[in-house]
C-alpha atoms as a PDB file:
ATOM      1  CA  UNK A   1       0.048   0.054  -0.050  1.00  0.00           C
ATOM      2  CA  UNK A   2       2.772   2.809   1.135  1.00  0.00           C
ATOM      3  CA  UNK A   3       4.706   1.523  -2.415  1.00  0.00           C
ATOM      4  CA  UNK A   4       1.758   2.217  -4.236  1.00  0.00           C
ATOM      5  CA  UNK A   5       1.161   5.568  -2.632  1.00  0.00           C
ATOM      6  CA  UNK A   6       5.066   6.546  -3.427  1.00  0.00           C
ATOM      7  CA  UNK A   7       4.026   5.763  -7.029  1.00  0.00           C
ATOM      8  CA  UNK A   8       1.170   7.914  -6.732  1.00  0.00           C
ATOM      9  CA  UNK A   9       3.583  10.693  -5.405  1.00  0.00           C
ATOM     10  CA  UNK A  10       6.245   9.869  -8.554  1.00  0.00           C
ATOM     11  CA  UNK A  11       3.218  10.599 -10.957  1.00  0.00           C
ATOM     12  CA  UNK A  12       1.948  13.784  -9.548  1.00  0.00           C
ATOM     13  CA  UNK A  13       5.490  15.409  -9.106  1.00  0.00           C
ATOM     14  CA  UNK A  14       6.722  14.674 -12.221  1.00  0.00           C
ATOM     15  CA  UNK A  15       3.846  15.585 -14.436  1.00  0.00           C
ATOM     16  CA  UNK A  16       4.411  19.135 -12.921  1.00  0.00           C
ATOM     17  CA  UNK A  17       7.885  19.923 -14.440  1.00  0.00           C
ATOM     18  CA  UNK A  18       8.110  17.751 -17.549  1.00  0.00           C
ATOM     19  CA  UNK A  19       8.673  21.080 -19.993  1.00  0.00           C
ATOM     20  CA  UNK A  20      12.148  21.997 -20.397  1.00  0.00           C
ATOM     21  CA  UNK A  21      14.174  24.749 -21.945  1.00  0.00           C
ATOM     22  CA  UNK A  22      17.753  24.794 -22.839  1.00  0.00           C
ATOM     23  CA  UNK A  23      18.040  21.895 -20.648  1.00  0.00           C
ATOM     24  CA  UNK A  24      17.569  24.006 -17.589  1.00  0.00           C
ATOM     25  CA  UNK A  25      14.556  23.294 -15.249  1.00  0.00           C
ATOM     26  CA  UNK A  26      11.143  26.111 -15.827  1.00  0.00           C
ATOM     27  CA  UNK A  27      10.393  27.204 -12.462  1.00  0.00           C
ATOM     28  CA  UNK A  28       6.793  26.144 -13.320  1.00  0.00           C
ATOM     29  CA  UNK A  29       3.437  26.939 -10.969  1.00  0.00           C
ATOM     30  CA  UNK A  30       0.565  24.616 -10.128  1.00  0.00           C
ATOM     31  CA  UNK A  31      -2.057  26.837  -9.928  1.00  0.00           C
ATOM     32  CA  UNK A  32      -5.291  25.250  -9.139  1.00  0.00           C
ATOM     33  CA  UNK A  33      -8.159  27.398 -10.184  1.00  0.00           C
ATOM     34  CA  UNK A  34     -11.555  27.161  -9.069  1.00  0.00           C
ATOM     35  CA  UNK A  35     -14.539  29.281  -9.940  1.00  0.00           C
ATOM     36  CA  UNK A  36     -14.021  31.399  -7.117  1.00  0.00           C
ATOM     37  CA  UNK A  37      -9.962  31.547  -7.489  1.00  0.00           C
ATOM     38  CA  UNK A  38     -10.195  32.635 -11.133  1.00  0.00           C
ATOM     39  CA  UNK A  39      -9.225  36.092  -9.946  1.00  0.00           C
ATOM     40  CA  UNK A  40      -6.464  35.389  -8.042  1.00  0.00           C
ATOM     41  CA  UNK A  41      -4.879  32.742 -10.264  1.00  0.00           C
ATOM     42  CA  UNK A  42      -5.243  35.542 -12.909  1.00  0.00           C
ATOM     43  CA  UNK A  43      -3.460  37.820 -10.922  1.00  0.00           C
ATOM     44  CA  UNK A  44      -0.472  35.106 -10.071  1.00  0.00           C
ATOM     45  CA  UNK A  45       0.137  34.761 -13.870  1.00  0.00           C
ATOM     46  CA  UNK A  46       0.279  38.189 -14.512  1.00  0.00           C
ATOM     47  CA  UNK A  47       2.561  39.457 -11.702  1.00  0.00           C
ATOM     48  CA  UNK A  48       4.126  36.521 -10.556  1.00  0.00           C
ATOM     49  CA  UNK A  49       4.448  34.240  -7.342  1.00  0.00           C
ATOM     50  CA  UNK A  50       5.067  35.939  -4.193  1.00  0.00           C
ATOM     51  CA  UNK A  51       7.785  33.699  -2.956  1.00  0.00           C
ATOM     52  CA  UNK A  52      10.958  34.448  -4.993  1.00  0.00           C
ATOM     53  CA  UNK A  53      14.019  32.272  -5.218  1.00  0.00           C
ATOM     54  CA  UNK A  54      15.753  32.407  -2.241  1.00  0.00           C
ATOM     55  CA  UNK A  55      19.307  30.127  -1.971  1.00  0.00           C
ATOM     56  CA  UNK A  56      20.941  27.470  -3.732  1.00  0.00           C
ATOM     57  CA  UNK A  57      22.263  24.287  -1.534  1.00  0.00           C
ATOM     58  CA  UNK A  58      24.864  21.989  -3.105  1.00  0.00           C
ATOM     59  CA  UNK A  59      24.555  18.429  -1.334  1.00  0.00           C
ATOM     60  CA  UNK A  60      26.638  15.770  -1.248  1.00  0.00           C
ATOM     61  CA  UNK A  61      25.239  12.336   0.036  1.00  0.00           C
ATOM     62  CA  UNK A  62      27.133   8.841   0.307  1.00  0.00           C
ATOM     63  CA  UNK A  63      24.761   5.866   0.456  1.00  0.00           C
ATOM     64  CA  UNK A  64      27.403   3.356   2.852  1.00  0.00           C
ATOM     65  CA  UNK A  65      26.728   0.037   3.852  1.00  0.00           C
ATOM     66  CA  UNK A  66      26.667  -0.320   7.677  1.00  0.00           C
ATOM     67  CA  UNK A  67      26.695  -3.003  10.361  1.00  0.00           C
ATOM     68  CA  UNK A  68      24.169  -5.576  10.465  1.00  0.00           C
ATOM     69  CA  UNK A  69      23.280  -5.669   6.662  1.00  0.00           C
ATOM     70  CA  UNK A  70      21.646  -2.404   6.715  1.00  0.00           C
ATOM     71  CA  UNK A  71      22.460   1.069   4.503  1.00  0.00           C
ATOM     72  CA  UNK A  72      22.685   4.534   5.177  1.00  0.00           C
ATOM     73  CA  UNK A  73      22.941   7.828   3.753  1.00  0.00           C
ATOM     74  CA  UNK A  74      25.733  10.361   4.679  1.00  0.00           C
ATOM     75  CA  UNK A  75      25.849  13.938   4.386  1.00  0.00           C
ATOM     76  CA  UNK A  76      29.665  14.448   2.869  1.00  0.00           C
ATOM     77  CA  UNK A  77      28.817  18.286   1.857  1.00  0.00           C
ATOM     78  CA  UNK A  78      26.396  21.157   2.181  1.00  0.00           C
ATOM     79  CA  UNK A  79      27.050  24.484   0.881  1.00  0.00           C
ATOM     80  CA  UNK A  80      24.454  27.414   0.792  1.00  0.00           C
ATOM     81  CA  UNK A  81      24.756  29.865  -1.680  1.00  0.00           C
ATOM     82  CA  UNK A  82      22.633  32.371  -3.670  1.00  0.00           C
ATOM     83  CA  UNK A  83      21.705  31.184  -7.033  1.00  0.00           C
ATOM     84  CA  UNK A  84      24.424  31.993  -8.933  1.00  0.00           C
ATOM     85  CA  UNK A  85      26.764  29.864  -6.339  1.00  0.00           C
ATOM     86  CA  UNK A  86      28.267  32.738  -4.754  1.00  0.00           C
ATOM     87  CA  UNK A  87      28.993  33.786  -1.254  1.00  0.00           C
ATOM     88  CA  UNK A  88      28.668  29.744  -0.403  1.00  0.00           C
ATOM     89  CA  UNK A  89      28.402  28.910   3.233  1.00  0.00           C
ATOM     90  CA  UNK A  90      29.733  25.115   3.836  1.00  0.00           C
ATOM     91  CA  UNK A  91      27.221  24.000   7.072  1.00  0.00           C
ATOM     92  CA  UNK A  92      28.360  20.461   6.829  1.00  0.00           C
ATOM     93  CA  UNK A  93      29.065  20.547  10.433  1.00  0.00           C
ATOM     94  CA  UNK A  94      25.556  20.485  11.187  1.00  0.00           C
ATOM     95  CA  UNK A  95      25.089  16.917  10.809  1.00  0.00           C
ATOM     96  CA  UNK A  96      27.352  13.791  12.081  1.00  0.00           C
ATOM     97  CA  UNK A  97      30.409  12.881  10.552  1.00  0.00           C
ATOM     98  CA  UNK A  98      29.227   9.170   9.682  1.00  0.00           C
ATOM     99  CA  UNK A  99      26.112   7.475   8.122  1.00  0.00           C
ATOM    100  CA  UNK A 100      22.675   7.881  10.021  1.00  0.00           C
ATOM    101  CA  UNK A 101      19.629   6.017  10.405  1.00  0.00           C
ATOM    102  CA  UNK A 102      17.399   8.181  10.108  1.00  0.00           C
ATOM    103  CA  UNK A 103      19.244   9.830   6.926  1.00  0.00           C
ATOM    104  CA  UNK A 104      20.350  13.780   7.472  1.00  0.00           C
ATOM    105  CA  UNK A 105      17.141  15.755   7.373  1.00  0.00           C
ATOM    106  CA  UNK A 106      17.488  18.658   4.586  1.00  0.00           C
ATOM    107  CA  UNK A 107      16.237  22.305   5.896  1.00  0.00           C
ATOM    108  CA  UNK A 108      15.320  24.585   3.227  1.00  0.00           C
ATOM    109  CA  UNK A 109      12.461  27.366   2.610  1.00  0.00           C
ATOM    110  CA  UNK A 110      10.513  28.336  -0.139  1.00  0.00           C
ATOM    111  CA  UNK A 111      11.734  29.122  -3.081  1.00  0.00           C
ATOM    112  CA  UNK A 112      15.053  27.746  -2.690  1.00  0.00           C
ATOM    113  CA  UNK A 113      16.935  25.095  -4.981  1.00  0.00           C
ATOM    114  CA  UNK A 114      18.617  22.220  -4.294  1.00  0.00           C
ATOM    115  CA  UNK A 115      21.155  20.308  -6.180  1.00  0.00           C
ATOM    116  CA  UNK A 116      22.351  16.877  -4.822  1.00  0.00           C
ATOM    117  CA  UNK A 117      24.909  14.626  -5.844  1.00  0.00           C
ATOM    118  CA  UNK A 118      24.364  11.216  -4.654  1.00  0.00           C
ATOM    119  CA  UNK A 119      27.881   8.846  -4.275  1.00  0.00           C
ATOM    120  CA  UNK A 120      27.415   4.612  -4.289  1.00  0.00           C
ATOM    121  CA  UNK A 121      29.788   3.847  -1.455  1.00  0.00           C
ATOM    122  CA  UNK A 122      28.904   0.558  -0.246  1.00  0.00           C
ATOM    123  CA  UNK A 123      31.605  -1.620  -0.584  1.00  0.00           C
ATOM    124  CA  UNK A 124      34.859  -2.421  -3.346  1.00  0.00           C
ATOM    125  CA  UNK A 125      32.851  -5.836  -4.027  1.00  0.00           C
ATOM    126  CA  UNK A 126      29.596  -4.370  -5.297  1.00  0.00           C
ATOM    127  CA  UNK A 127      28.607  -4.823  -8.716  1.00  0.00           C
ATOM    128  CA  UNK A 128      29.107  -2.483 -11.107  1.00  0.00           C
ATOM    129  CA  UNK A 129      25.342  -2.302 -11.979  1.00  0.00           C
ATOM    130  CA  UNK A 130      23.932  -2.056  -8.555  1.00  0.00           C
ATOM    131  CA  UNK A 131      21.968   0.761  -8.039  1.00  0.00           C
ATOM    132  CA  UNK A 132      21.250   3.106  -5.168  1.00  0.00           C
ATOM    133  CA  UNK A 133      19.066   6.552  -5.541  1.00  0.00           C
ATOM    134  CA  UNK A 134      17.161   9.493  -3.334  1.00  0.00           C
ATOM    135  CA  UNK A 135      13.666   9.630  -4.742  1.00  0.00           C
ATOM    136  CA  UNK A 136      11.893  12.439  -2.912  1.00  0.00           C
ATOM    137  CA  UNK A 137       8.480  13.940  -2.312  1.00  0.00           C
ATOM    138  CA  UNK A 138       6.552  17.272  -1.817  1.00  0.00           C
ATOM    139  CA  UNK A 139       8.719  18.835  -3.923  1.00  0.00           C
ATOM    140  CA  UNK A 140       9.026  19.693  -7.889  1.00  0.00           C
ATOM    141  CA  UNK A 141      11.723  18.685 -10.047  1.00  0.00           C
ATOM    142  CA  UNK A 142      11.655  17.364 -13.601  1.00  0.00           C
ATOM    143  CA  UNK A 143      11.317  13.751 -14.696  1.00  0.00           C
ATOM    144  CA  UNK A 144      15.292  13.386 -14.402  1.00  0.00           C
ATOM    145  CA  UNK A 145      15.292  13.738 -11.039  1.00  0.00           C
ATOM    146  CA  UNK A 146      12.673  11.223  -9.869  1.00  0.00           C
ATOM    147  CA  UNK A 147      15.054   9.082  -8.766  1.00  0.00           C
ATOM    148  CA  UNK A 148      13.280   5.902  -9.975  1.00  0.00           C
ATOM    149  CA  UNK A 149      14.456   2.939 -12.613  1.00  0.00           C
ATOM    150  CA  UNK A 150      13.124   3.307 -15.886  1.00  0.00           C
ATOM    151  CA  UNK A 151      11.109   0.571 -15.482  1.00  0.00           C
ATOM    152  CA  UNK A 152       8.591   3.078 -13.439  1.00  0.00           C
ATOM    153  CA  UNK A 153       9.766   6.244 -14.770  1.00  0.00           C
ATOM    154  CA  UNK A 154       9.565   5.044 -19.104  1.00  0.00           C
ATOM    155  CA  UNK A 155      12.734   7.727 -19.232  1.00  0.00           C
ATOM    156  CA  UNK A 156      15.978   5.969 -17.730  1.00  0.00           C
ATOM    157  CA  UNK A 157      17.425   4.800 -14.419  1.00  0.00           C
ATOM    158  CA  UNK A 158      17.951   7.652 -12.215  1.00  0.00           C
ATOM    159  CA  UNK A 159      20.846   5.803  -9.915  1.00  0.00           C
ATOM    160  CA  UNK A 160      24.254   5.905  -8.574  1.00  0.00           C
ATOM    161  CA  UNK A 161      26.092   3.107  -9.070  1.00  0.00           C
ATOM    162  CA  UNK A 162      29.753   2.089  -8.002  1.00  0.00           C
ATOM    163  CA  UNK A 163      31.115   3.608 -10.825  1.00  0.00           C
ATOM    164  CA  UNK A 164      29.366   6.950 -11.397  1.00  0.00           C
ATOM    165  CA  UNK A 165      27.127   9.448  -9.067  1.00  0.00           C
ATOM    166  CA  UNK A 166      24.013  11.010  -9.982  1.00  0.00           C
ATOM    167  CA  UNK A 167      22.512  14.127  -9.896  1.00  0.00           C
ATOM    168  CA  UNK A 168      19.157  15.409  -8.656  1.00  0.00           C
ATOM    169  CA  UNK A 169      17.758  18.554  -8.554  1.00  0.00           C
ATOM    170  CA  UNK A 170      14.537  20.030  -6.956  1.00  0.00           C
ATOM    171  CA  UNK A 171      12.314  23.308  -6.864  1.00  0.00           C
ATOM    172  CA  UNK A 172      10.917  23.953  -3.293  1.00  0.00           C
ATOM    173  CA  UNK A 173       8.361  26.289  -5.121  1.00  0.00           C
ATOM    174  CA  UNK A 174       5.080  28.119  -3.733  1.00  0.00           C
ATOM    175  CA  UNK A 175       2.828  25.615  -1.808  1.00  0.00           C
ATOM    176  CA  UNK A 176       5.560  23.125  -1.049  1.00  0.00           C
ATOM    177  CA  UNK A 177       5.657  24.091   2.299  1.00  0.00           C
ATOM    178  CA  UNK A 178       5.991  20.883   4.777  1.00  0.00           C
ATOM    179  CA  UNK A 179       8.108  17.985   5.551  1.00  0.00           C
ATOM    180  CA  UNK A 180       8.221  15.196   3.118  1.00  0.00           C
ATOM    181  CA  UNK A 181       9.949  12.144   3.112  1.00  0.00           C
ATOM    182  CA  UNK A 182      12.999  10.618   0.632  1.00  0.00           C
ATOM    183  CA  UNK A 183      14.049   7.130   0.381  1.00  0.00           C
ATOM    184  CA  UNK A 184      15.782   5.332  -2.183  1.00  0.00           C
ATOM    185  CA  UNK A 185      13.621   3.756  -5.057  1.00  0.00           C
ATOM    186  CA  UNK A 186      16.139   1.914  -6.988  1.00  0.00           C
ATOM    187  CA  UNK A 187      18.025  -1.191  -4.712  1.00  0.00           C
ATOM    188  CA  UNK A 188      17.386  -4.350  -4.871  1.00  0.00           C
ATOM    189  CA  UNK A 189      14.153  -4.168  -6.456  1.00  0.00           C
ATOM    190  CA  UNK A 190      12.116  -0.817  -7.888  1.00  0.00           C
ATOM    191  CA  UNK A 191      10.416  -0.528  -4.375  1.00  0.00           C
ATOM    192  CA  UNK A 192      13.765   0.621  -2.681  1.00  0.00           C
ATOM    193  CA  UNK A 193      15.658   0.107   0.142  1.00  0.00           C
ATOM    194  CA  UNK A 194      13.897   2.481   3.287  1.00  0.00           C
ATOM    195  CA  UNK A 195      13.259  -0.593   5.226  1.00  0.00           C
ATOM    196  CA  UNK A 196      17.002  -1.212   5.067  1.00  0.00           C
ATOM    197  CA  UNK A 197      17.717   2.487   6.386  1.00  0.00           C
ATOM    198  CA  UNK A 198      17.541   4.590   3.253  1.00  0.00           C
ATOM    199  CA  UNK A 199      15.116   7.365   3.957  1.00  0.00           C
ATOM    200  CA  UNK A 200      15.345  10.467   5.356  1.00  0.00           C
ATOM    201  CA  UNK A 201      13.364  13.938   5.755  1.00  0.00           C
ATOM    202  CA  UNK A 202      13.134  17.418   3.723  1.00  0.00           C
ATOM    203  CA  UNK A 203      11.881  20.276   6.090  1.00  0.00           C
ATOM    204  CA  UNK A 204      10.647  23.184   3.403  1.00  0.00           C
ATOM    205  CA  UNK A 205       9.817  25.811   5.446  1.00  0.00           C
ATOM    206  CA  UNK A 206       7.159  28.634   4.541  1.00  0.00           C
ATOM    207  CA  UNK A 207       8.563  31.954   3.108  1.00  0.00           C
ATOM    208  CA  UNK A 208       6.122  33.750   5.320  1.00  0.00           C
ATOM    209  CA  UNK A 209       8.638  31.943   8.114  1.00  0.00           C
ATOM    210  CA  UNK A 210       5.431  32.189  10.213  1.00  0.00           C
ATOM    211  CA  UNK A 211       3.655  29.340  11.778  1.00  0.00           C
ATOM    212  CA  UNK A 212       0.617  28.461  14.235  1.00  0.00           C
ATOM    213  CA  UNK A 213       0.822  27.121  17.929  1.00  0.00           C
ATOM    214  CA  UNK A 214      -1.664  26.802  20.615  1.00  0.00           C
ATOM    215  CA  UNK A 215      -1.563  29.259  23.560  1.00  0.00           C
ATOM    216  CA  UNK A 216      -3.997  27.970  26.246  1.00  0.00           C
ATOM    217  CA  UNK A 217      -7.293  27.550  24.604  1.00  0.00           C
ATOM    218  CA  UNK A 218      -6.406  29.649  21.683  1.00  0.00           C
ATOM    219  CA  UNK A 219      -4.342  29.839  18.703  1.00  0.00           C
ATOM    220  CA  UNK A 220      -1.442  32.182  17.890  1.00  0.00           C
ATOM    221  CA  UNK A 221       0.809  32.977  14.956  1.00  0.00           C
ATOM    222  CA  UNK A 222       4.244  33.260  15.963  1.00  0.00           C
ATOM    223  CA  UNK A 223       7.842  33.458  13.811  1.00  0.00           C
ATOM    224  CA  UNK A 224       9.351  30.339  13.267  1.00  0.00           C
ATOM    225  CA  UNK A 225      12.758  32.108  14.588  1.00  0.00           C
ATOM    226  CA  UNK A 226      11.717  31.344  18.527  1.00  0.00           C
ATOM    227  CA  UNK A 227      11.142  27.697  17.298  1.00  0.00           C
ATOM    228  CA  UNK A 228      14.142  26.270  19.478  1.00  0.00           C
ATOM    229  CA  UNK A 229      14.129  22.670  18.179  1.00  0.00           C
ATOM    230  CA  UNK A 230      12.366  20.305  15.382  1.00  0.00           C
ATOM    231  CA  UNK A 231      12.041  16.668  16.181  1.00  0.00           C
ATOM    232  CA  UNK A 232      11.780  14.687  12.767  1.00  0.00           C
ATOM    233  CA  UNK A 233       9.563  11.447  14.414  1.00  0.00           C
ATOM    234  CA  UNK A 234       9.330   9.105  11.642  1.00  0.00           C
ATOM    235  CA  UNK A 235       6.094   6.396  12.558  1.00  0.00           C
ATOM    236  CA  UNK A 236       7.447   2.655  12.084  1.00  0.00           C
ATOM    237  CA  UNK A 237       4.786  -0.290  12.114  1.00  0.00           C
ATOM    238  CA  UNK A 238       6.540  -0.764  15.921  1.00  0.00           C
ATOM    239  CA  UNK A 239       8.723   1.904  16.813  1.00  0.00           C
ATOM    240  CA  UNK A 240       9.635   5.446  16.622  1.00  0.00           C
ATOM    241  CA  UNK A 241      12.778   6.718  15.145  1.00  0.00           C
ATOM    242  CA  UNK A 242      13.469  10.228  15.043  1.00  0.00           C
ATOM    243  CA  UNK A 243      15.864  13.000  14.741  1.00  0.00           C
ATOM    244  CA  UNK A 244      16.547  16.316  17.224  1.00  0.00           C
ATOM    245  CA  UNK A 245      17.435  19.346  15.391  1.00  0.00           C
ATOM    246  CA  UNK A 246      19.012  22.946  17.494  1.00  0.00           C
ATOM    247  CA  UNK A 247      17.229  25.218  15.451  1.00  0.00           C
ATOM    248  CA  UNK A 248      20.072  28.010  16.851  1.00  0.00           C
ATOM    249  CA  UNK A 249      23.071  26.262  15.437  1.00  0.00           C
ATOM    250  CA  UNK A 250      21.414  23.743  12.998  1.00  0.00           C
ATOM    251  CA  UNK A 251      22.907  20.605  14.883  1.00  0.00           C
ATOM    252  CA  UNK A 252      21.491  17.184  14.246  1.00  0.00           C
ATOM    253  CA  UNK A 253      21.273  14.463  16.776  1.00  0.00           C
ATOM    254  CA  UNK A 254      20.160  10.727  16.528  1.00  0.00           C
ATOM    255  CA  UNK A 255      18.506   8.614  19.415  1.00  0.00           C
ATOM    256  CA  UNK A 256      17.417   5.329  18.088  1.00  0.00           C
ATOM    257  CA  UNK A 257      14.244   3.592  18.203  1.00  0.00           C
ATOM    258  CA  UNK A 258      11.798   6.073  20.654  1.00  0.00           C
ATOM    259  CA  UNK A 259      14.329   8.745  21.275  1.00  0.00           C
ATOM    260  CA  UNK A 260      14.084  10.856  24.507  1.00  0.00           C
ATOM    261  CA  UNK A 261      13.581  14.230  23.099  1.00  0.00           C
ATOM    262  CA  UNK A 262      14.529  16.869  25.106  1.00  0.00           C
ATOM    263  CA  UNK A 263      13.762  20.712  25.127  1.00  0.00           C
ATOM    264  CA  UNK A 264      13.706  23.600  27.499  1.00  0.00           C
ATOM    265  CA  UNK A 265      10.924  25.034  29.533  1.00  0.00           C
ATOM    266  CA  UNK A 266       8.671  27.877  28.097  1.00  0.00           C
ATOM    267  CA  UNK A 267      10.018  27.489  24.720  1.00  0.00           C
ATOM    268  CA  UNK A 268       8.670  26.720  21.409  1.00  0.00           C
ATOM    269  CA  UNK A 269       9.113  23.367  19.768  1.00  0.00           C
ATOM    270  CA  UNK A 270       8.169  21.994  16.118  1.00  0.00           C
ATOM    271  CA  UNK A 271       6.907  18.040  15.561  1.00  0.00           C
ATOM    272  CA  UNK A 272       7.437  16.898  12.332  1.00  0.00           C
ATOM    273  CA  UNK A 273       5.168  13.385  12.077  1.00  0.00           C
ATOM    274  CA  UNK A 274       6.132  10.972   8.859  1.00  0.00           C
ATOM    275  CA  UNK A 275       4.404   7.599   8.299  1.00  0.00           C
ATOM    276  CA  UNK A 276       5.984   4.942   7.090  1.00  0.00           C
ATOM    277  CA  UNK A 277       5.361   1.229   6.744  1.00  0.00           C
ATOM    278  CA  UNK A 278       2.016  -0.006   6.169  1.00  0.00           C
ATOM    279  CA  UNK A 279       0.270   0.374   9.470  1.00  0.00           C
ATOM    280  CA  UNK A 280      -2.421   3.345  10.738  1.00  0.00           C
ATOM    281  CA  UNK A 281      -1.237   5.310  13.698  1.00  0.00           C
ATOM    282  CA  UNK A 282      -2.771   7.679  16.709  1.00  0.00           C
ATOM    283  CA  UNK A 283      -0.154   9.903  17.790  1.00  0.00           C
ATOM    284  CA  UNK A 284      -0.787  11.454  21.081  1.00  0.00           C
ATOM    285  CA  UNK A 285       1.155  14.044  23.609  1.00  0.00           C
ATOM    286  CA  UNK A 286      -0.414  14.242  27.064  1.00  0.00           C
ATOM    287  CA  UNK A 287      -0.632  17.305  28.525  1.00  0.00           C
ATOM    288  CA  UNK A 288      -0.828  19.355  25.170  1.00  0.00           C
ATOM    289  CA  UNK A 289      -2.880  20.501  22.365  1.00  0.00           C
ATOM    290  CA  UNK A 290      -2.035  22.575  19.180  1.00  0.00           C
ATOM    291  CA  UNK A 291      -4.240  23.721  16.282  1.00  0.00           C
ATOM    292  CA  UNK A 292      -5.031  21.625  13.754  1.00  0.00           C
ATOM    293  CA  UNK A 293      -3.881  22.701  10.508  1.00  0.00           C
ATOM    294  CA  UNK A 294      -7.155  24.567   8.274  1.00  0.00           C
ATOM    295  CA  UNK A 295      -9.248  24.969  11.331  1.00  0.00           C
ATOM    296  CA  UNK A 296      -9.893  26.339  14.213  1.00  0.00           C
ATOM    297  CA  UNK A 297      -9.827  23.494  16.695  1.00  0.00           C
ATOM    298  CA  UNK A 298      -7.360  22.264  19.147  1.00  0.00           C
ATOM    299  CA  UNK A 299      -6.763  19.050  19.363  1.00  0.00           C
ATOM    300  CA  UNK A 300      -4.954  16.689  21.221  1.00  0.00           C
ATOM    301  CA  UNK A 301      -4.234  13.855  19.070  1.00  0.00           C
ATOM    302  CA  UNK A 302      -3.734  13.092  15.358  1.00  0.00           C
ATOM    303  CA  UNK A 303      -4.385   9.863  13.164  1.00  0.00           C
ATOM    304  CA  UNK A 304      -1.808   8.827  10.015  1.00  0.00           C
ATOM    305  CA  UNK A 305      -2.022   6.524   7.674  1.00  0.00           C
ATOM    306  CA  UNK A 306       0.700   5.155   5.186  1.00  0.00           C
ATOM    307  CA  UNK A 307       3.113   8.169   3.928  1.00  0.00           C
ATOM    308  CA  UNK A 308       0.983  10.635   5.709  1.00  0.00           C
ATOM    309  CA  UNK A 309       2.890  13.717   7.117  1.00  0.00           C
ATOM    310  CA  UNK A 310       1.645  15.850   9.872  1.00  0.00           C
ATOM    311  CA  UNK A 311       3.458  19.256  11.389  1.00  0.00           C
ATOM    312  CA  UNK A 312       2.619  21.468  15.029  1.00  0.00           C
ATOM    313  CA  UNK A 313       4.256  23.327  17.183  1.00  0.00           C
ATOM    314  CA  UNK A 314       3.722  23.929  21.306  1.00  0.00           C
ATOM    315  CA  UNK A 315       5.115  25.946  23.896  1.00  0.00           C
ATOM    316  CA  UNK A 316       7.011  23.488  26.299  1.00  0.00           C
ATOM    317  CA  UNK A 317       5.700  23.482  29.890  1.00  0.00           C
ATOM    318  CA  UNK A 318       5.870  19.551  31.302  1.00  0.00           C
ATOM    319  CA  UNK A 319       7.318  16.587  31.149  1.00  0.00           C
ATOM    320  CA  UNK A 320       5.475  13.909  29.027  1.00  0.00           C
ATOM    321  CA  UNK A 321       5.545  11.392  26.955  1.00  0.00           C
ATOM    322  CA  UNK A 322       5.106  11.043  22.964  1.00  0.00           C
ATOM    323  CA  UNK A 323       3.345   7.429  21.857  1.00  0.00           C
ATOM    324  CA  UNK A 324       1.038   5.931  19.350  1.00  0.00           C
ATOM    325  CA  UNK A 325      -2.296   4.933  21.087  1.00  0.00           C
ATOM    326  CA  UNK A 326      -3.330   2.673  18.428  1.00  0.00           C
ATOM    327  CA  UNK A 327      -3.831  -0.575  19.920  1.00  0.00           C
ATOM    328  CA  UNK A 328      -1.398  -2.696  17.808  1.00  0.00           C
ATOM    329  CA  UNK A 329       1.588  -0.221  18.408  1.00  0.00           C
ATOM    330  CA  UNK A 330       0.661   0.641  22.242  1.00  0.00           C
ATOM    331  CA  UNK A 331       0.871  -2.814  23.143  1.00  0.00           C
ATOM    332  CA  UNK A 332       4.650  -2.991  20.847  1.00  0.00           C
ATOM    333  CA  UNK A 333       5.765   0.005  23.289  1.00  0.00           C
ATOM    334  CA  UNK A 334       5.903   2.970  20.502  1.00  0.00           C
ATOM    335  CA  UNK A 335       6.754   5.512  23.054  1.00  0.00           C
ATOM    336  CA  UNK A 336       9.464   7.947  23.861  1.00  0.00           C
ATOM    337  CA  UNK A 337      10.106  10.640  26.461  1.00  0.00           C
ATOM    338  CA  UNK A 338       9.557  14.177  25.970  1.00  0.00           C
ATOM    339  CA  UNK A 339      11.822  15.986  28.911  1.00  0.00           C
ATOM    340  CA  UNK A 340      11.050  19.470  29.522  1.00  0.00           C
ATOM    341  CA  UNK A 341      13.967  21.100  31.767  1.00  0.00           C
ATOM    342  CA  UNK A 342      13.865  24.350  33.751  1.00  0.00           C
END
């Protein structure tokens, strides 16, 4: 089921950017103009998108074999520059030195572009034809950057192999703000190997740099600059995996299965949930509520199905636990500590 959903994302994403001009990506806008939105859509065509291109992220990934027969992505380099490649800043120190499961979380903003070069570095004995790739959800890209095999995309194999790297190009176009999974799609089979460790996330922050959280029993709009930490939690069929990001430094840390998440009291923190696997989940954080996106409601639980994602922000005031209360997952012990210190 999850695979079918993943392929559905492929179909929708590649449809957006199939046109090419002088071998460069076209920054194409997806405009769904219903009857009530015709005027606003027409204005966007005439005046252009309110989201302007921001930064270029030049990233080098290595896919490596690790202990236990698993595989992982490693951040080799991450340079952030203007779109012409000037004024580059090296932010590679944000990431651990070695390969990690989950893979590195790539944090960008609406309007940014990404050039990601993937290197196949399993071991010298790997057959020269073995594939590994990066297939991303949510952002826009050309057909050449889908990260799938010719069997699926009817274009070509879009993989790194032991003797050749592969470059992917993504655009965080208007409307792509959110948190999105990426994963291998080509290793061993056309379904890929995220179940062997080759997966991670892309956070696309909104161009407005604003978000909404609860303040008591009301909603409050805040700047993302006031958010102290991001927690990226992957919901598998029997455990959470996660990454904790210090937003002041960008530093990323990994805590294994059901990791303990830490926060300073009276700081704002943001949760990013990505459901992998095939189960449905019910996420809860006792003692907290948050605004349900697109509504005026405050909620204290969220049900997610395969490949669904969900982002919310809370004001850290007390210790709690995060847990999956869907019965099977609850019995399997899907829970972790949320530790708030003075």
